[in-house]
C-alpha cells in the first residue's frame, strides 16, 4: 500500500525473496502470525519488478502489483474470487472491466497452479452439513456484535503493544518479545505459529486434541471452563500476534484474524448452546462465520472474507449468515475506526493514498511541469516608471518584487496601480515597495508537497501561489494549471 501510495508501485527487488525467508523463520519458531501477508508482499514485489524490467508506467505497475497480491491469496487458499476482491478492498485498486481481466487471469492461474502442485485439498478440510435456518438469524447477529467488540479490542492491543515496544531498543524488543511469546505459547499451545492446525481441530470439534499439551487438558469435561479457556485464547492471541511483529518478527494479520474469528465463533456458539435459548446452533458453522466476521472487522474487507469462507468450504450454504455477521461487524468497527489495521499506520503518517483518488492524483503531479517562471520581476527599489515598462513588456497582471539577491519581497498587482499608470508626474516619485502586497497565504516553498501547495488555493481570491526556494523567488503555480494537470492525470490513468 505504501509502494502504491508513494512510490508508483515500485517495490525493492529483495522483497521477491526476503519476506518469504524471514516469515518462514518467524512462524517456524512459533511466531504467532500468518504467512499470507508475506506471500502477498512477495507476489506484489515480483509483479513490481517485472513491470520495472519492461519499463511500464505507474498505472500498469500498480495494476500488476494488485495482480501479484490477488494471485498470492488465490494460490494460498485456492480461492480466486477472494484474491480478486482482496485487491479491490485492501489495496483499493480501481474497479473497472479493464482491471478485472488481468486480476482474473492472475487469480485463476495461481489457483490452478496451487491445485496442480498441492492437490485438491483445501486449507480447512470442512464441509457444511448443518443447514442455515431463519430462526438462527438472531444468533448470527450476536456473533457479528461480539466479533466487532473483539476487533476493536485487537486495534487497542495493537496500539498499546506498538507504543510499548517502540520505546525499547532493538535487543530489548527481541528479548522481551521472545519471553512473553514463549510464555503465552507454553500456557496456550494453540497460539504457536499461524494456528491453522488448532483452527482445523476446532472446526471438527476436537477439543481434546486442541488442549492436549496444555495445563487445561483435565478440564475438558467442564463446559464452563472450556468457554473461559476459549475466550482467554482469543484475548491473548491478540497480544501474541502484535508482540511477534513489534519485537521483530515478520508476518501478517490474515491468519490471526481467521484464528481469532474461529475461536470467537466457537465461544459464541458454545455459550448460546449452554444458556439454551430454544435454538441449538451448529458450532462448526459459527466457527466459519466467526472467521469471516473478525477478518472483515480487522482488515475492512467484508467481501473478501465472505467469499473466502464460501470458497474454502466448497459451497455457499452459509452465504446469508456470512453476510449478516460480517456486515454487522464491519459497520460497528468502521464507526469507531476510520482505517483498517493495514491502513492505520500509513494514515497516521500521511502516506495513505490508495483510499483517496484525488489525493493520489495530486501527489503524482510533476511540480516542474506546473511551475510558471516567465515573470517580469521588479526590484524593490524600483519606481512607477519601471512598472510602466514592465506592463509594456509583459502579459501578466501581477509582478513579483525581489531584492538584488532575488529574495522575494512581495507582489505588485496591476489593478492596484492602474489609476496612476497614466500620470507621468508620479513616475519618479511612487516607489514599488509602497505599492506591493505581501501575504503568507499566497506563498509556498518549492519543497512543500503538492498536497500542501494545493491547500493554499482554498479561498475565493487565491488563483496563483508564489513558489519560493529558501526565500528566493522561483515561480508561480496557478489554479488553472493545477486543475489541468489533475485532469491529465485522471485521463492518462483511466481504465475506461
Protein backbone atom coordinates (compact mmCIF):
# COMPACT_ATOMS: atom_id res chain seq x y z
CA UNK A 1 0.00 0.00 0.00
CA UNK A 2 2.90 2.35 0.73
CA UNK A 3 4.52 1.44 -2.58
CA UNK A 4 1.28 2.22 -4.42
CA UNK A 5 0.76 5.45 -2.49
CA UNK A 6 4.24 6.95 -2.55
CA UNK A 7 6.49 5.00 -4.92
CA UNK A 8 4.33 4.46 -8.01
CA UNK A 9 4.14 0.75 -7.28
CA UNK A 10 7.92 0.27 -7.03
CA UNK A 11 8.93 -2.44 -4.54
CA UNK A 12 12.58 -3.28 -3.82
CA UNK A 13 13.90 -6.42 -5.62
CA UNK A 14 15.00 -8.11 -2.37
CA UNK A 15 11.34 -8.39 -1.33
CA UNK A 16 10.93 -11.06 -4.01
CA UNK A 17 12.57 -13.49 -1.56
CA UNK A 18 13.30 -11.79 1.77
CA UNK A 19 9.69 -11.75 3.00
CA UNK A 20 9.30 -15.48 2.37
CA UNK A 21 12.55 -16.31 4.16
CA UNK A 22 12.02 -14.16 7.24
CA UNK A 23 8.35 -15.05 7.67
CA UNK A 24 9.15 -18.76 7.38
CA UNK A 25 11.72 -18.42 10.15
CA UNK A 26 9.28 -16.40 12.28
CA UNK A 27 6.39 -18.87 12.02
CA UNK A 28 8.58 -21.99 12.23
CA UNK A 29 9.97 -20.79 15.57
CA UNK A 30 6.48 -20.13 16.92
CA UNK A 31 5.78 -16.55 15.90
CA UNK A 32 2.03 -16.09 16.27
CA UNK A 33 1.48 -14.51 12.84
CA UNK A 34 0.38 -15.59 9.38
CA UNK A 35 2.25 -16.31 6.17
CA UNK A 36 -0.36 -14.78 3.85
CA UNK A 37 0.84 -11.17 4.15
CA UNK A 38 4.46 -12.10 3.27
CA UNK A 39 3.12 -14.21 0.39
CA UNK A 40 1.11 -11.23 -0.85
CA UNK A 41 4.13 -8.94 -0.49
CA UNK A 42 6.31 -11.43 -2.36
CA UNK A 43 3.80 -11.76 -5.21
CA UNK A 44 3.44 -7.99 -5.44
CA UNK A 45 7.22 -7.49 -5.36
CA UNK A 46 7.71 -9.97 -8.21
CA UNK A 47 4.99 -8.19 -10.21
CA UNK A 48 6.50 -4.77 -9.48
CA UNK A 49 9.97 -5.82 -10.63
CA UNK A 50 8.60 -7.47 -13.77
CA UNK A 51 6.94 -4.15 -14.50
CA UNK A 52 10.20 -2.32 -13.87
CA UNK A 53 12.03 -4.69 -16.25
CA UNK A 54 9.58 -3.90 -19.03
CA UNK A 55 9.59 -0.18 -18.09
CA UNK A 56 5.82 0.07 -17.70
CA UNK A 57 4.17 3.25 -16.43
CA UNK A 58 2.95 3.81 -12.86
CA UNK A 59 -0.64 2.87 -13.65
CA UNK A 60 0.25 -0.52 -15.16
CA UNK A 61 2.77 -1.14 -12.38
CA UNK A 62 0.07 -0.58 -9.77
CA UNK A 63 -2.25 -2.94 -11.61
CA UNK A 64 0.47 -5.62 -11.75
CA UNK A 65 1.11 -5.18 -8.02
CA UNK A 66 -2.59 -5.87 -7.48
CA UNK A 67 -2.36 -8.92 -9.73
CA UNK A 68 0.54 -10.24 -7.65
CA UNK A 69 -1.48 -9.79 -4.46
CA UNK A 70 -4.60 -11.38 -5.93
CA UNK A 71 -2.60 -14.34 -7.22
CA UNK A 72 -0.96 -14.82 -3.83
CA UNK A 73 -4.27 -15.03 -1.97
CA UNK A 74 -5.83 -17.19 -4.67
CA UNK A 75 -2.88 -19.59 -4.61
CA UNK A 76 -2.64 -19.77 -0.82
CA UNK A 77 -6.31 -20.61 -0.29
CA UNK A 78 -7.28 -21.86 -3.78
CA UNK A 79 -9.86 -19.07 -3.70
CA UNK A 80 -9.62 -16.92 -6.86
CA UNK A 81 -12.69 -14.77 -6.12
CA UNK A 82 -11.34 -13.89 -2.67
CA UNK A 83 -8.00 -12.97 -4.26
CA UNK A 84 -9.62 -10.55 -6.70
CA UNK A 85 -11.77 -8.96 -4.00
CA UNK A 86 -8.71 -8.61 -1.75
CA UNK A 87 -7.03 -6.45 -4.40
CA UNK A 88 -10.07 -4.17 -4.61
CA UNK A 89 -10.93 -3.94 -0.90
CA UNK A 90 -7.49 -3.83 0.72
CA UNK A 91 -5.27 -2.33 -1.98
CA UNK A 92 -8.18 -0.18 -3.25
CA UNK A 93 -7.49 -0.70 -6.94
CA UNK A 94 -9.95 0.96 -9.33
CA UNK A 95 -12.85 -1.32 -10.17
CA UNK A 96 -13.27 -1.45 -13.93
CA UNK A 97 -13.59 -4.05 -16.67
CA UNK A 98 -10.03 -3.36 -17.82
CA UNK A 99 -8.57 -4.03 -14.35
CA UNK A 100 -10.77 -7.06 -13.62
CA UNK A 101 -9.46 -9.05 -16.60
CA UNK A 102 -5.76 -9.21 -15.60
CA UNK A 103 -6.74 -9.77 -11.95
CA UNK A 104 -8.98 -12.63 -13.01
CA UNK A 105 -6.23 -14.21 -15.12
CA UNK A 106 -3.73 -13.89 -12.26
CA UNK A 107 -6.08 -15.34 -9.63
CA UNK A 108 -7.24 -18.27 -11.75
CA UNK A 109 -3.68 -19.09 -12.84
CA UNK A 110 -2.47 -19.08 -9.23
CA UNK A 111 -5.34 -21.28 -8.07
CA UNK A 112 -4.77 -23.79 -10.90
CA UNK A 113 -1.04 -23.99 -10.19
CA UNK A 114 -1.82 -24.49 -6.50
CA UNK A 115 -4.21 -27.32 -7.36
CA UNK A 116 -1.59 -28.90 -9.63
CA UNK A 117 1.22 -28.95 -7.05
CA UNK A 118 -0.72 -29.26 -3.78
CA UNK A 119 -3.75 -31.29 -4.79
CA UNK A 120 -7.43 -30.54 -4.33
CA UNK A 121 -7.42 -30.40 -0.51
CA UNK A 122 -8.42 -27.05 0.95
CA UNK A 123 -6.64 -25.15 3.73
CA UNK A 124 -9.56 -26.04 6.01
CA UNK A 125 -10.90 -29.51 5.29
CA UNK A 126 -14.53 -28.99 6.22
CA UNK A 127 -17.92 -29.09 4.54
CA UNK A 128 -21.13 -27.54 5.83
CA UNK A 129 -23.55 -30.20 7.00
CA UNK A 130 -25.92 -28.24 9.23
CA UNK A 131 -28.30 -26.18 7.08
CA UNK A 132 -28.98 -22.49 7.72
CA UNK A 133 -32.32 -21.70 9.35
CA UNK A 134 -34.09 -18.35 9.64
CA UNK A 135 -34.66 -18.91 13.35
CA UNK A 136 -30.88 -18.68 13.90
CA UNK A 137 -30.52 -15.17 12.46
CA UNK A 138 -30.53 -13.51 15.94
CA UNK A 139 -27.65 -15.79 16.94
CA UNK A 140 -25.60 -14.66 13.92
CA UNK A 141 -26.40 -11.04 14.76
CA UNK A 142 -24.99 -11.65 18.25
CA UNK A 143 -21.91 -13.19 16.65
CA UNK A 144 -21.45 -10.08 14.50
CA UNK A 145 -21.60 -7.79 17.53
CA UNK A 146 -19.20 -9.92 19.59
CA UNK A 147 -16.82 -10.10 16.60
CA UNK A 148 -16.90 -6.30 16.39
CA UNK A 149 -16.00 -5.97 20.07
CA UNK A 150 -13.08 -8.36 19.64
CA UNK A 151 -11.93 -6.50 16.52
CA UNK A 152 -11.95 -3.20 18.40
CA UNK A 153 -10.06 -4.92 21.20
CA UNK A 154 -7.46 -6.03 18.65
CA UNK A 155 -6.99 -2.43 17.49
CA UNK A 156 -6.46 -1.28 21.08
CA UNK A 157 -3.97 -4.06 21.79
CA UNK A 158 -2.08 -3.29 18.58
CA UNK A 159 -1.76 0.37 19.51
CA UNK A 160 -0.65 -0.44 23.07
CA UNK A 161 1.93 -3.07 22.10
CA UNK A 162 3.47 -0.93 19.36
CA UNK A 163 3.71 2.03 21.72
CA UNK A 164 5.49 -0.01 24.39
CA UNK A 165 7.91 -1.77 22.03
CA UNK A 166 8.82 1.38 20.09
CA UNK A 167 10.17 2.86 23.30
CA UNK A 168 12.64 -0.04 23.68
CA UNK A 169 15.95 -0.71 22.00
CA UNK A 170 16.05 -3.50 19.44
CA UNK A 171 17.74 -6.09 21.64
CA UNK A 172 15.26 -5.46 24.46
CA UNK A 173 12.40 -5.82 21.97
CA UNK A 174 13.74 -9.21 20.88
CA UNK A 175 14.32 -10.47 24.44
CA UNK A 176 11.01 -9.17 25.83
CA UNK A 177 9.06 -10.39 22.80
CA UNK A 178 10.64 -13.86 22.97
CA UNK A 179 9.99 -14.24 26.69
CA UNK A 180 6.38 -13.04 26.53
CA UNK A 181 5.52 -15.06 23.43
CA UNK A 182 7.22 -18.17 24.80
CA UNK A 183 5.20 -17.89 28.00
CA UNK A 184 1.94 -17.47 26.10
CA UNK A 185 2.60 -20.48 23.87
CA UNK A 186 3.65 -22.57 26.88
CA UNK A 187 0.32 -21.89 28.59
CA UNK A 188 -1.82 -21.98 25.44
CA UNK A 189 -0.17 -24.27 22.80
CA UNK A 190 -2.71 -23.34 20.03
CA UNK A 191 -1.01 -19.91 19.87
CA UNK A 192 2.11 -21.49 18.35
CA UNK A 193 2.69 -20.38 14.74
CA UNK A 194 -0.10 -19.34 12.42
CA UNK A 195 -2.62 -21.57 14.23
CA UNK A 196 -4.30 -23.37 11.33
CA UNK A 197 -3.81 -26.77 12.98
CA UNK A 198 -5.74 -25.64 16.03
CA UNK A 199 -8.37 -23.97 13.87
CA UNK A 200 -8.95 -27.19 11.94
CA UNK A 201 -9.33 -29.11 15.21
CA UNK A 202 -11.83 -26.53 16.38
CA UNK A 203 -13.78 -26.87 13.14
CA UNK A 204 -14.05 -30.60 13.75
CA UNK A 205 -14.97 -30.06 17.42
CA UNK A 206 -11.84 -31.88 18.57
CA UNK A 207 -11.24 -30.04 21.86
CA UNK A 208 -9.30 -32.98 23.24
CA UNK A 209 -6.53 -32.64 20.63
CA UNK A 210 -6.71 -28.84 20.79
CA UNK A 211 -5.85 -28.71 24.51
CA UNK A 212 -3.78 -31.90 24.62
CA UNK A 213 -0.46 -30.34 25.71
CA UNK A 214 -1.86 -27.56 27.90
CA UNK A 215 -2.48 -27.17 31.61
CA UNK A 216 -6.21 -27.24 30.94
CA UNK A 217 -6.42 -30.70 29.43
CA UNK A 218 -8.03 -32.19 32.55
CA UNK A 219 -10.80 -29.55 32.44
CA UNK A 220 -12.21 -30.50 29.05
CA UNK A 221 -15.21 -32.12 30.68
CA UNK A 222 -16.27 -28.84 32.30
CA UNK A 223 -18.26 -26.90 29.64
CA UNK A 224 -18.00 -23.60 31.51
CA UNK A 225 -14.21 -23.77 31.80
CA UNK A 226 -13.97 -24.61 28.10
CA UNK A 227 -15.78 -21.34 27.34
CA UNK A 228 -13.41 -19.40 29.61
CA UNK A 229 -10.34 -21.03 28.04
CA UNK A 230 -11.61 -20.27 24.54
CA UNK A 231 -12.15 -16.61 25.41
CA UNK A 232 -8.71 -16.45 27.04
CA UNK A 233 -7.10 -17.81 23.86
CA UNK A 234 -8.89 -15.13 21.82
CA UNK A 235 -7.78 -12.28 24.10
CA UNK A 236 -4.17 -13.48 24.42
CA UNK A 237 -3.85 -14.24 20.71
CA UNK A 238 -4.29 -10.51 20.03
CA UNK A 239 -1.26 -9.82 22.22
CA UNK A 240 0.76 -12.72 20.79
CA UNK A 241 0.34 -11.55 17.20
CA UNK A 242 1.22 -7.93 17.90
CA UNK A 243 4.15 -8.83 20.15
CA UNK A 244 5.55 -11.09 17.42
CA UNK A 245 5.51 -8.24 14.89
CA UNK A 246 6.59 -5.49 17.30
CA UNK A 247 9.61 -7.48 18.51
CA UNK A 248 10.97 -8.00 15.00
CA UNK A 249 9.07 -10.96 13.60
CA UNK A 250 7.79 -10.93 10.03
CA UNK A 251 4.23 -11.97 9.35
CA UNK A 252 0.72 -10.75 8.78
CA UNK A 253 -2.66 -10.45 10.42
CA UNK A 254 -4.53 -12.51 7.81
CA UNK A 255 -4.17 -15.86 9.55
CA UNK A 256 -4.51 -14.42 13.08
CA UNK A 257 -7.79 -12.75 12.12
CA UNK A 258 -9.13 -16.11 10.90
CA UNK A 259 -7.83 -17.82 14.06
CA UNK A 260 -9.36 -15.23 16.38
CA UNK A 261 -12.62 -15.26 14.43
CA UNK A 262 -12.87 -19.04 14.57
CA UNK A 263 -12.44 -19.12 18.33
CA UNK A 264 -14.87 -16.21 18.74
CA UNK A 265 -17.45 -18.14 16.72
CA UNK A 266 -16.92 -21.24 18.86
CA UNK A 267 -17.16 -19.15 22.04
CA UNK A 268 -20.48 -17.58 20.98
CA UNK A 269 -21.98 -20.87 19.77
CA UNK A 270 -20.97 -22.88 22.84
CA UNK A 271 -22.23 -20.10 25.13
CA UNK A 272 -25.60 -19.95 23.35
CA UNK A 273 -25.96 -23.73 23.49
CA UNK A 274 -25.16 -23.84 27.21
CA UNK A 275 -27.51 -20.97 28.03
CA UNK A 276 -30.22 -22.62 25.98
CA UNK A 277 -32.37 -20.09 24.14
CA UNK A 278 -34.55 -22.66 22.45
CA UNK A 279 -32.32 -22.87 19.34
CA UNK A 280 -29.41 -25.27 19.13
CA UNK A 281 -26.73 -23.80 16.87
CA UNK A 282 -24.05 -25.70 14.92
CA UNK A 283 -20.72 -24.76 16.50
CA UNK A 284 -18.74 -25.58 13.35
CA UNK A 285 -20.88 -23.16 11.31
CA UNK A 286 -20.26 -20.43 13.86
CA UNK A 287 -16.52 -21.08 13.69
CA UNK A 288 -16.60 -20.44 9.94
CA UNK A 289 -18.83 -17.39 10.17
CA UNK A 290 -16.74 -16.02 13.03
CA UNK A 291 -13.62 -16.32 10.87
CA UNK A 292 -15.23 -14.14 8.23
CA UNK A 293 -16.66 -11.63 10.73
CA UNK A 294 -13.42 -10.85 12.56
CA UNK A 295 -11.50 -10.75 9.30
CA UNK A 296 -13.99 -8.17 7.99
CA UNK A 297 -13.67 -6.16 11.21
CA UNK A 298 -9.86 -6.10 11.33
CA UNK A 299 -8.99 -5.88 7.64
CA UNK A 300 -12.06 -3.93 6.46
CA UNK A 301 -12.60 -6.49 3.73
CA UNK A 302 -16.12 -7.92 4.18
CA UNK A 303 -16.50 -9.20 0.63
CA UNK A 304 -13.10 -10.88 0.71
CA UNK A 305 -13.92 -12.60 3.99
CA UNK A 306 -17.37 -13.72 2.86
CA UNK A 307 -16.20 -15.28 -0.39
CA UNK A 308 -13.03 -16.70 1.15
CA UNK A 309 -15.04 -18.79 3.61
CA UNK A 310 -17.56 -19.70 0.92
CA UNK A 311 -14.78 -20.91 -1.38
CA UNK A 312 -12.74 -22.84 1.18
CA UNK A 313 -15.85 -24.70 2.37
CA UNK A 314 -16.70 -25.67 -1.19
CA UNK A 315 -20.12 -24.05 -1.31
CA UNK A 316 -22.38 -21.16 -0.43
CA UNK A 317 -24.64 -22.80 2.15
CA UNK A 318 -23.56 -20.23 4.74
CA UNK A 319 -23.67 -17.20 2.45
CA UNK A 320 -26.57 -15.47 4.27
CA UNK A 321 -25.13 -15.79 7.82
CA UNK A 322 -21.70 -14.84 6.48
CA UNK A 323 -23.18 -11.65 5.05
CA UNK A 324 -25.15 -10.86 8.22
CA UNK A 325 -22.31 -11.27 10.72
CA UNK A 326 -19.56 -9.79 8.53
CA UNK A 327 -21.61 -6.74 7.63
CA UNK A 328 -22.59 -6.04 11.24
CA UNK A 329 -19.02 -6.46 12.44
CA UNK A 330 -17.63 -4.22 9.69
CA UNK A 331 -20.18 -1.45 10.24
CA UNK A 332 -19.71 -1.40 14.01
CA UNK A 333 -15.89 -1.32 13.82
CA UNK A 334 -15.93 1.23 10.97
CA UNK A 335 -17.99 3.60 13.10
CA UNK A 336 -15.17 3.69 15.68
CA UNK A 337 -12.08 3.38 13.45
CA UNK A 338 -11.83 5.03 10.06
CA UNK A 339 -9.00 2.85 8.77
CA UNK A 340 -8.19 -0.85 8.74
CA UNK A 341 -5.26 -2.40 10.59
CA UNK A 342 -3.26 -2.14 7.34
CA UNK A 343 -4.15 1.44 6.52
CA UNK A 344 -3.99 2.99 10.01
CA UNK A 345 -0.16 3.33 10.28
CA UNK A 346 0.05 4.87 6.80
CA UNK A 347 -2.83 7.24 7.52
CA UNK A 348 -1.13 8.41 10.73
CA UNK A 349 1.96 9.36 8.72
CA UNK A 350 0.00 10.92 5.85
CA UNK A 351 1.22 8.25 3.43
CA UNK A 352 -2.12 6.65 2.62
CA UNK A 353 -3.17 7.43 -0.94
CA UNK A 354 -4.91 4.30 -2.15
CA UNK A 355 -8.14 5.20 -0.37
CA UNK A 356 -8.25 8.75 -1.81
CA UNK A 357 -8.01 9.00 -5.59
CA UNK A 358 -7.94 12.81 -5.62
CA UNK A 359 -5.06 12.81 -3.14
CA UNK A 360 -3.23 10.26 -5.26
CA UNK A 361 -3.61 12.38 -8.41
CA UNK A 362 -2.35 15.49 -6.61
CA UNK A 363 0.60 13.60 -5.14
CA UNK A 364 1.83 12.37 -8.51
CA UNK A 365 1.65 15.75 -10.24
CA UNK A 366 5.03 16.92 -11.53
CA UNK A 367 5.73 20.33 -9.96
CA UNK A 368 8.28 21.22 -12.61
CA UNK A 369 5.63 20.96 -15.33
CA UNK A 370 3.14 23.11 -13.44
CA UNK A 371 5.56 25.81 -12.29
CA UNK A 372 5.50 29.04 -14.33
CA UNK A 373 8.74 31.02 -14.40
CA UNK A 374 8.30 33.57 -17.22
CA UNK A 375 7.59 36.55 -14.98
CA UNK A 376 8.88 40.11 -15.25
CA UNK A 377 10.44 40.79 -11.87
CA UNK A 378 10.66 44.22 -10.27
CA UNK A 379 13.35 45.46 -7.91
CA UNK A 380 12.09 46.55 -4.51
CA UNK A 381 13.68 49.99 -5.09
CA UNK A 382 12.05 50.46 -8.50
CA UNK A 383 9.77 53.41 -9.31
CA UNK A 384 6.44 53.65 -11.08
CA UNK A 385 8.34 54.30 -14.33
CA UNK A 386 9.76 50.75 -14.09
CA UNK A 387 6.26 49.43 -13.54
CA UNK A 388 5.08 51.09 -16.78
CA UNK A 389 7.95 49.43 -18.64
CA UNK A 390 7.07 46.05 -17.06
CA UNK A 391 3.44 46.38 -18.15
CA UNK A 392 4.58 47.12 -21.72
CA UNK A 393 6.79 44.00 -21.82
CA UNK A 394 4.59 41.52 -20.01
CA UNK A 395 1.17 39.98 -20.44
CA UNK A 396 0.82 39.29 -16.71
CA UNK A 397 -1.40 41.26 -14.36
CA UNK A 398 0.99 40.98 -11.42
CA UNK A 399 4.76 41.22 -10.91
CA UNK A 400 6.95 39.63 -8.24
CA UNK A 401 9.11 42.09 -6.31
CA UNK A 402 12.61 40.95 -5.28
CA UNK A 403 15.84 42.43 -3.93
CA UNK A 404 19.30 42.26 -5.50
CA UNK A 405 19.75 38.65 -4.36
CA UNK A 406 16.35 37.51 -5.72
CA UNK A 407 14.82 37.31 -2.22
CA UNK A 408 11.06 37.63 -2.51
CA UNK A 409 9.58 40.81 -1.02
CA UNK A 410 6.05 40.92 -2.34
CA UNK A 411 3.80 41.22 -5.38
CA UNK A 412 2.70 44.27 -7.31
CA UNK A 413 -0.80 43.80 -8.72
CA UNK A 414 -1.75 45.70 -11.85
CA UNK A 415 -5.19 46.63 -10.50
CA UNK A 416 -3.53 48.41 -7.57
CA UNK A 417 -1.63 50.85 -9.83
CA UNK A 418 -3.98 51.11 -12.78
CA UNK A 419 -5.28 54.53 -11.69
CA UNK A 420 -1.75 56.09 -11.57
CA UNK A 421 -0.15 54.46 -14.61
CA UNK A 422 -1.19 57.29 -16.88
CA UNK A 423 0.06 60.07 -14.60
CA UNK A 424 3.67 60.84 -15.57
CA UNK A 425 4.09 63.12 -12.58
CA UNK A 426 4.15 60.03 -10.33
CA UNK A 427 6.67 58.04 -12.41
CA UNK A 428 9.72 59.06 -10.38
CA UNK A 429 8.08 59.59 -7.00
CA UNK A 430 6.00 56.49 -6.32
CA UNK A 431 8.09 53.54 -5.11
CA UNK A 432 7.24 49.90 -5.79
CA UNK A 433 7.78 48.91 -2.14
CA UNK A 434 4.86 51.18 -1.20
CA UNK A 435 2.59 49.71 -3.84
CA UNK A 436 3.26 45.99 -3.44
CA UNK A 437 1.35 43.37 -1.41
CA UNK A 438 2.59 40.58 0.82
CA UNK A 439 0.63 37.67 2.34
CA UNK A 440 1.89 34.31 3.60
CA UNK A 441 -1.39 32.72 2.49
CA UNK A 442 -0.25 33.07 -1.14
CA UNK A 443 3.28 31.72 -0.61
CA UNK A 444 4.59 28.12 -0.62
CA UNK A 445 8.04 26.53 -0.59
CA UNK A 446 9.36 24.51 -3.52
CA UNK A 447 9.99 21.59 -1.10
CA UNK A 448 6.37 21.51 0.07
CA UNK A 449 4.33 18.57 -1.15
CA UNK A 450 1.71 19.12 -3.81
CA UNK A 451 -0.96 18.44 -1.20
CA UNK A 452 0.37 21.34 0.91
CA UNK A 453 0.54 23.64 -2.10
CA UNK A 454 -2.98 22.77 -3.28
CA UNK A 455 -4.34 23.62 0.18
CA UNK A 456 -3.10 27.17 -0.38
CA UNK A 457 -5.71 27.58 -3.13
CA UNK A 458 -8.55 27.32 -0.63
CA UNK A 459 -10.14 30.73 -0.86
CA UNK A 460 -12.19 32.54 -3.48
CA UNK A 461 -9.39 35.01 -4.30
CA UNK A 462 -6.45 32.60 -4.45
CA UNK A 463 -5.79 31.94 -8.13
CA UNK A 464 -1.97 31.97 -8.01
CA UNK A 465 0.55 30.76 -5.42
CA UNK A 466 4.08 32.16 -5.23
CA UNK A 467 6.75 29.43 -5.03
CA UNK A 468 9.97 30.18 -3.13
CA UNK A 469 13.17 28.28 -2.52
CA UNK A 470 14.64 29.32 0.84
CA UNK A 471 13.04 32.73 0.46
CA UNK A 472 14.14 33.25 -3.14
CA UNK A 473 11.59 33.64 -5.91
CA UNK A 474 11.30 30.56 -8.17
CA UNK A 475 8.00 30.96 -9.98
CA UNK A 476 4.24 30.63 -9.55
CA UNK A 477 1.57 27.97 -9.72
CA UNK A 478 -1.86 28.86 -10.99
CA UNK A 479 -5.09 27.15 -10.02
CA UNK A 480 -5.87 26.62 -13.70
CA UNK A 481 -2.59 24.78 -14.37
CA UNK A 482 -3.00 22.56 -11.31
CA UNK A 483 -6.53 21.64 -12.38
CA UNK A 484 -5.29 20.93 -15.92
CA UNK A 485 -2.56 18.64 -14.53
CA UNK A 486 -5.18 16.88 -12.41
CA UNK A 487 -7.37 16.30 -15.47
CA UNK A 488 -4.39 14.96 -17.43
CA UNK A 489 -3.53 12.50 -14.65
CA UNK A 490 -7.11 11.22 -14.48
CA UNK A 491 -7.23 10.89 -18.25
CA UNK A 492 -3.87 9.08 -18.53
CA UNK A 493 -4.67 6.70 -15.68
CA UNK A 494 -8.27 5.95 -16.58
CA UNK A 495 -9.04 2.34 -17.38
CA UNK A 496 -12.08 3.07 -19.49
